[in-house]
Amino acid sequence: MSNSISTPPGSAAPSSAPSANKYNFRETEAKWQTTWRDNKTFSVNVDVTRPKYYVLEMFPYPSGRIHMGHVRNYTLGDVVARLKRAQGFNVLHPMGWDAFGLPAENAAIQNNTHPAKWTQQNIETMKAQLKTMGLSYDWDREIATCDTKYYKHEQKMFLDFLKNGIAYRKESWVNWDPVDNTVLANEQVIDGKGWRTGAAGEKKKHSQWFLKITDYAEDLLSELEKLERWPDKVRIMQENWIGRSEGAKVFFELKDRDDKLEIYTTRPDTLYGASFMAIAANHPLALELAKDNDDMKAFIAK
């Protein structure tokens, strides 16, 4: 079957030449991006006569190149920023770089360069790529989280938390990536492997810092109820993450021992029907008993 196109007698054949109305994106976008830059169109100043609006997308990690996930995310934010600006809002739409962390140091080691130099080179590359998209950022407000001018404020906040008992230190189990040599969140462990390296994850006990977010669980939950336009599935995820529950701590005596086994239950009324208790493999009592029991030691390791 032929895919050829026939034309009636006397008519012109289809032309492959570009239409006069065809959008020349190279010329047009370069023209307007230059105009926006020269006129500082997206730079924001204090203006008490207009309502304020703040648009902030997630800062990218400076890996060295922009991918389509970035393009999609930042295009959506740009649409909101431009709409609000058109509606008369004084819009602050900044960009920055999530540039702190062990992945940057590990990449610098692999590339035999200083982490600061490697990170800054990546930032410049990705910044140039973002600028070709013509996004409405106020580049005068650009920050990088590895800059001392930025993280000195985080350090001060942490010291305030420590002073007021909100930050504390204790040992706890973590997911460990043996290649990146860093801790992974549960969401970053996929089928038992690190999301970035693909290495088999390990369980390690580390002394680490915590923030007493649980002290504010009730406030967080009550505020979630006021977020009327949030999708239900997102609010449920947040509620599950906060993880507040009401129950009781119960202490059981242990035979021939002075210490007690502490449990937490949301249904203390059902304890009279309990037939046994299970402890975690990494429970201090299990680790103690395993010292003289090879079978238990092997089970815990497994």
Protein backbone atom coordinates (compact mmCIF):
# COMPACT_ATOMS: atom_id res chain seq x y z
CA MET A 1 0.00 0.00 0.00
CA SER A 2 1.44 3.36 -1.04
CA ASN A 3 1.86 6.27 1.39
CA SER A 4 2.31 8.79 -1.43
CA ILE A 5 0.15 11.94 -1.57
CA SER A 6 -1.54 12.80 -4.86
CA THR A 7 -2.50 16.34 -5.83
CA PRO A 8 -5.31 17.42 -8.14
CA PRO A 9 -4.32 18.64 -11.63
CA GLY A 10 -3.21 22.24 -11.62
CA SER A 11 -2.60 22.41 -7.83
CA ALA A 12 0.77 22.96 -6.21
CA ALA A 13 2.58 20.10 -4.55
CA PRO A 14 2.91 20.27 -0.73
CA SER A 15 5.82 22.50 0.23
CA SER A 16 8.44 21.41 2.74
CA ALA A 17 9.55 25.01 3.26
CA PRO A 18 8.85 26.45 6.74
CA SER A 19 5.74 28.53 7.13
CA ALA A 20 6.11 32.27 7.58
CA ASN A 21 4.08 31.89 10.78
CA LYS A 22 6.21 29.09 12.21
CA TYR A 23 7.47 29.84 15.73
CA ASN A 24 11.21 30.51 15.64
CA PHE A 25 12.00 29.58 19.24
CA ARG A 26 15.74 30.25 19.02
CA GLU A 27 15.26 33.83 17.87
CA THR A 28 12.11 34.70 19.84
CA GLU A 29 13.10 33.22 23.19
CA ALA A 30 16.60 34.68 23.05
CA LYS A 31 15.08 38.10 22.30
CA TRP A 32 12.65 38.08 25.24
CA GLN A 33 15.04 36.49 27.69
CA THR A 34 17.53 39.26 26.93
CA THR A 35 14.78 41.86 27.43
CA TRP A 36 13.75 40.31 30.79
CA ARG A 37 17.38 40.21 31.92
CA ASP A 38 18.25 43.75 30.89
CA ASN A 39 15.08 45.20 32.44
CA LYS A 40 15.33 43.00 35.58
CA THR A 41 11.71 42.03 34.93
CA PHE A 42 11.64 39.32 37.60
CA SER A 43 13.70 41.08 40.29
CA VAL A 44 11.51 41.82 43.29
CA ASN A 45 11.61 44.77 45.67
CA VAL A 46 9.53 45.69 48.71
CA ASP A 47 6.26 47.21 47.55
CA VAL A 48 3.65 47.74 50.28
CA THR A 49 1.04 48.78 47.71
CA ARG A 50 0.75 45.25 46.29
CA PRO A 51 -0.05 41.91 47.92
CA LYS A 52 2.91 39.56 48.32
CA TYR A 53 3.19 36.08 46.80
CA TYR A 54 6.02 33.61 47.33
CA VAL A 55 6.66 30.77 44.85
CA LEU A 56 9.34 28.24 45.76
CA GLU A 57 10.02 24.94 44.03
CA MET A 58 12.31 22.28 45.47
CA PHE A 59 15.96 23.26 45.10
CA PRO A 60 17.83 20.87 42.76
CA TYR A 61 20.86 18.92 43.87
CA PRO A 62 23.76 20.16 41.67
CA SER A 63 24.57 16.85 40.01
CA GLY A 64 25.87 18.57 36.88
CA ARG A 65 22.93 18.56 34.48
CA ILE A 66 19.22 19.27 34.32
CA HIS A 67 16.88 16.39 33.38
CA MET A 68 13.25 16.30 32.25
CA GLY A 69 12.01 15.88 35.83
CA HIS A 70 13.52 19.27 36.61
CA VAL A 71 11.97 20.78 33.47
CA ARG A 72 8.50 19.57 34.41
CA ASN A 73 8.75 20.67 38.04
CA TYR A 74 10.11 24.15 37.38
CA THR A 75 7.76 24.80 34.48
CA LEU A 76 4.78 24.21 36.79
CA GLY A 77 6.20 26.63 39.36
CA ASP A 78 6.88 29.20 36.66
CA VAL A 79 3.27 29.05 35.46
CA VAL A 80 2.07 29.87 39.00
CA ALA A 81 4.59 32.71 39.39
CA ARG A 82 3.66 34.30 36.07
CA LEU A 83 -0.08 33.98 36.73
CA LYS A 84 0.22 35.66 40.13
CA ARG A 85 2.40 38.42 38.66
CA ALA A 86 -0.23 39.01 35.97
CA GLN A 87 -2.88 39.23 38.70
CA GLY A 88 -1.00 42.09 40.34
CA PHE A 89 0.93 40.29 43.08
CA ASN A 90 4.46 41.27 44.04
CA VAL A 91 5.96 37.82 43.36
CA LEU A 92 9.15 36.49 44.91
CA HIS A 93 10.32 33.52 42.83
CA PRO A 94 13.88 32.54 43.85
CA MET A 95 16.17 29.66 42.92
CA GLY A 96 18.86 27.91 44.94
CA TRP A 97 20.89 24.73 45.21
CA ASP A 98 20.59 21.84 47.65
CA ALA A 99 24.37 21.57 47.65
CA PHE A 100 25.34 20.04 50.99
CA GLY A 101 25.96 16.36 51.66
CA LEU A 102 28.17 13.33 51.31
CA PRO A 103 27.15 12.56 47.69
CA ALA A 104 28.95 15.75 46.62
CA GLU A 105 32.06 14.75 48.54
CA ASN A 106 32.02 11.21 47.14
CA ALA A 107 31.60 12.52 43.59
CA ALA A 108 34.50 14.92 44.15
CA ILE A 109 36.69 12.02 45.30
CA GLN A 110 35.76 10.03 42.18
CA ASN A 111 36.58 13.04 39.97
CA ASN A 112 39.76 13.86 41.90
CA THR A 113 38.71 17.43 42.61
CA HIS A 114 37.78 19.55 45.62
CA PRO A 115 34.08 19.29 46.63
CA ALA A 116 33.66 23.08 46.55
CA LYS A 117 35.08 23.33 43.02
CA TRP A 118 33.08 20.34 41.77
CA THR A 119 29.85 21.69 43.27
CA GLN A 120 30.34 25.22 41.94
CA GLN A 121 31.09 23.95 38.43
CA ASN A 122 27.88 21.92 38.47
CA ILE A 123 25.89 24.88 39.73
CA GLU A 124 27.16 27.08 36.88
CA THR A 125 26.32 24.39 34.31
CA MET A 126 22.81 23.81 35.62
CA LYS A 127 22.18 27.52 36.08
CA ALA A 128 23.02 28.12 32.41
CA GLN A 129 20.64 25.32 31.41
CA LEU A 130 17.82 26.73 33.55
CA LYS A 131 18.32 30.18 32.07
CA THR A 132 17.75 28.84 28.55
CA MET A 133 14.24 27.86 29.70
CA GLY A 134 13.36 31.51 30.36
CA LEU A 135 12.00 30.82 33.84
CA SER A 136 10.91 33.86 35.84
CA TYR A 137 13.50 33.60 38.61
CA ASP A 138 14.93 36.48 40.56
CA TRP A 139 18.55 35.40 40.24
CA ASP A 140 19.60 38.16 42.63
CA ARG A 141 18.10 35.97 45.38
CA GLU A 142 20.08 32.83 44.44
CA ILE A 143 21.53 30.80 47.34
CA ALA A 144 23.51 27.58 47.76
CA THR A 145 23.11 25.59 50.97
CA CYS A 146 26.87 24.92 51.11
CA ASP A 147 27.60 28.64 51.36
CA THR A 148 28.61 29.77 54.86
CA LYS A 149 26.42 32.85 54.41
CA TYR A 150 23.47 30.45 54.26
CA TYR A 151 24.21 27.62 56.64
CA LYS A 152 25.40 29.85 59.48
CA HIS A 153 21.69 30.55 60.06
CA GLU A 154 20.93 26.81 60.24
CA GLN A 155 23.76 26.40 62.73
CA LYS A 156 22.31 29.16 64.91
CA MET A 157 18.85 27.55 64.75
CA PHE A 158 20.33 24.20 65.80
CA LEU A 159 22.08 25.80 68.78
CA ASP A 160 18.77 27.39 69.78
CA PHE A 161 17.09 23.97 69.52
CA LEU A 162 19.84 22.42 71.64
CA LYS A 163 19.60 25.15 74.26
CA ASN A 164 15.83 24.68 74.56
CA GLY A 165 15.89 20.88 74.68
CA ILE A 166 14.38 20.37 71.24
CA ALA A 167 17.55 18.77 69.79
CA TYR A 168 18.94 15.70 71.54
CA ARG A 169 21.34 12.85 70.82
CA LYS A 170 20.87 9.10 71.09
CA GLU A 171 21.81 5.85 69.39
CA SER A 172 19.43 4.48 66.81
CA TRP A 173 19.36 2.06 63.89
CA VAL A 174 19.77 3.46 60.39
CA ASN A 175 19.85 2.31 56.78
CA TRP A 176 23.45 2.54 55.62
CA ASP A 177 24.72 2.78 52.05
CA PRO A 178 28.24 1.25 52.03
CA VAL A 179 29.16 2.92 48.74
CA ASP A 180 27.96 6.49 49.42
CA ASN A 181 28.90 6.03 53.11
CA THR A 182 25.74 7.84 54.14
CA VAL A 183 22.44 7.23 55.90
CA LEU A 184 19.36 6.52 53.76
CA ALA A 185 15.75 7.31 54.56
CA ASN A 186 13.37 4.34 54.33
CA GLU A 187 12.04 5.77 51.07
CA GLN A 188 15.56 5.70 49.60
CA VAL A 189 15.91 1.94 50.11
CA ILE A 190 14.35 0.15 47.15
CA ASP A 191 14.22 -3.66 47.28
CA GLY A 192 16.90 -3.55 49.96
CA LYS A 193 19.28 -1.41 47.88
CA GLY A 194 20.36 2.23 47.95
CA TRP A 195 18.41 4.34 45.45
CA ARG A 196 21.50 6.13 44.11
CA THR A 197 24.23 3.45 44.14
CA GLY A 198 22.23 0.22 43.91
CA ALA A 199 24.39 -1.22 46.72
CA ALA A 200 22.83 -3.63 49.21
CA GLY A 201 21.82 -1.61 52.26
CA GLU A 202 23.04 -2.40 55.75
CA LYS A 203 21.53 -1.87 59.20
CA LYS A 204 23.83 0.03 61.53
CA LYS A 205 23.48 1.60 64.93
CA HIS A 206 24.67 5.18 65.04
CA SER A 207 24.80 7.95 67.60
CA GLN A 208 22.87 10.74 65.96
CA TRP A 209 20.89 13.91 66.50
CA PHE A 210 17.11 14.07 66.73
CA LEU A 211 14.53 16.85 66.95
CA LYS A 212 11.55 16.41 69.29
CA ILE A 213 8.98 16.69 66.54
CA THR A 214 6.71 14.34 68.50
CA ASP A 215 6.25 17.09 71.10
CA TYR A 216 4.36 19.00 68.41
CA ALA A 217 2.40 16.09 66.93
CA GLU A 218 -0.96 17.35 68.19
CA ASP A 219 -0.35 20.84 66.76
CA LEU A 220 0.71 19.38 63.40
CA LEU A 221 -2.35 17.13 63.17
CA SER A 222 -4.80 19.89 64.10
CA GLU A 223 -3.30 22.20 61.47
CA LEU A 224 -3.60 19.48 58.81
CA GLU A 225 -7.37 19.60 59.23
CA LYS A 226 -7.36 23.22 58.08
CA LEU A 227 -5.69 22.43 54.72
CA GLU A 228 -8.97 22.20 52.83
CA ARG A 229 -7.58 22.18 49.28
CA TRP A 230 -4.96 19.48 49.92
CA PRO A 231 -5.71 16.07 48.34
CA ASP A 232 -6.91 13.51 50.88
CA LYS A 233 -4.13 11.07 49.99
CA VAL A 234 -1.48 13.71 50.75
CA ARG A 235 -3.04 14.58 54.11
CA ILE A 236 -3.24 10.89 55.02
CA MET A 237 0.44 10.47 54.16
CA GLN A 238 1.26 13.40 56.43
CA GLU A 239 -0.86 11.98 59.26
CA ASN A 240 0.88 8.62 58.94
CA TRP A 241 4.28 10.33 58.93
CA ILE A 242 3.44 12.25 62.12
CA GLY A 243 2.33 8.91 63.53
CA ARG A 244 0.66 10.07 66.71
CA SER A 245 -1.22 7.45 68.70
CA GLU A 246 -2.72 7.30 72.20
CA GLY A 247 -1.93 4.42 74.50
CA ALA A 248 -0.06 3.35 77.61
CA LYS A 249 3.39 2.17 78.59
CA VAL A 250 3.21 -1.09 80.54
CA PHE A 251 6.06 -2.73 82.46
CA PHE A 252 6.32 -6.51 82.89
CA GLU A 253 8.56 -8.17 85.45
CA LEU A 254 11.10 -10.67 84.12
CA LYS A 255 11.83 -13.91 85.94
CA ASP A 256 15.08 -13.89 87.96
CA ARG A 257 15.90 -10.35 86.80
CA ASP A 258 15.69 -6.93 88.40
CA ASP A 259 14.88 -5.05 85.21
CA LYS A 260 11.50 -4.98 83.47
CA LEU A 261 10.25 -5.28 79.92
CA GLU A 262 8.61 -2.08 78.73
CA ILE A 263 5.90 -2.25 76.05
CA TYR A 264 3.58 0.28 74.47
CA THR A 265 0.01 -0.56 73.58
CA THR A 266 -3.02 1.31 72.29
CA ARG A 267 -5.28 -1.41 73.80
CA PRO A 268 -4.22 -2.11 77.41
CA ASP A 269 -7.61 -3.72 78.01
CA THR A 270 -6.57 -6.68 75.83
CA LEU A 271 -3.39 -7.52 77.78
CA TYR A 272 -5.15 -10.06 79.98
CA GLY A 273 -5.58 -12.23 76.90
CA ALA A 274 -1.93 -12.06 75.85
CA SER A 275 -0.12 -15.42 75.60
CA PHE A 276 3.41 -14.26 74.72
CA MET A 277 5.54 -11.22 73.95
CA ALA A 278 7.98 -10.76 71.09
CA ILE A 279 11.01 -8.51 71.16
CA ALA A 280 12.88 -7.12 68.20
CA ALA A 281 16.09 -8.76 67.03
CA ASN A 282 18.02 -5.63 68.01
CA HIS A 283 16.36 -5.26 71.42
CA PRO A 284 18.95 -4.88 74.24
CA LEU A 285 17.56 -7.99 75.94
CA ALA A 286 17.95 -10.06 72.74
CA LEU A 287 21.52 -8.85 72.25
CA GLU A 288 22.37 -9.72 75.85
CA LEU A 289 20.93 -13.25 75.63
CA ALA A 290 22.69 -13.87 72.30
CA LYS A 291 26.13 -13.42 73.85
CA ASP A 292 26.03 -17.03 75.12
CA ASN A 293 23.76 -18.50 72.45
CA ASP A 294 25.21 -19.11 68.98
CA ASP A 295 21.86 -19.99 67.45
CA MET A 296 20.32 -16.75 68.67
CA LYS A 297 23.36 -14.81 67.50
CA ALA A 298 23.00 -16.26 63.99
CA PHE A 299 19.28 -15.51 63.97
CA ILE A 300 19.86 -11.86 64.94
CA ALA A 301 22.54 -11.48 62.25
CA LYS A 302 20.13 -12.88 59.66
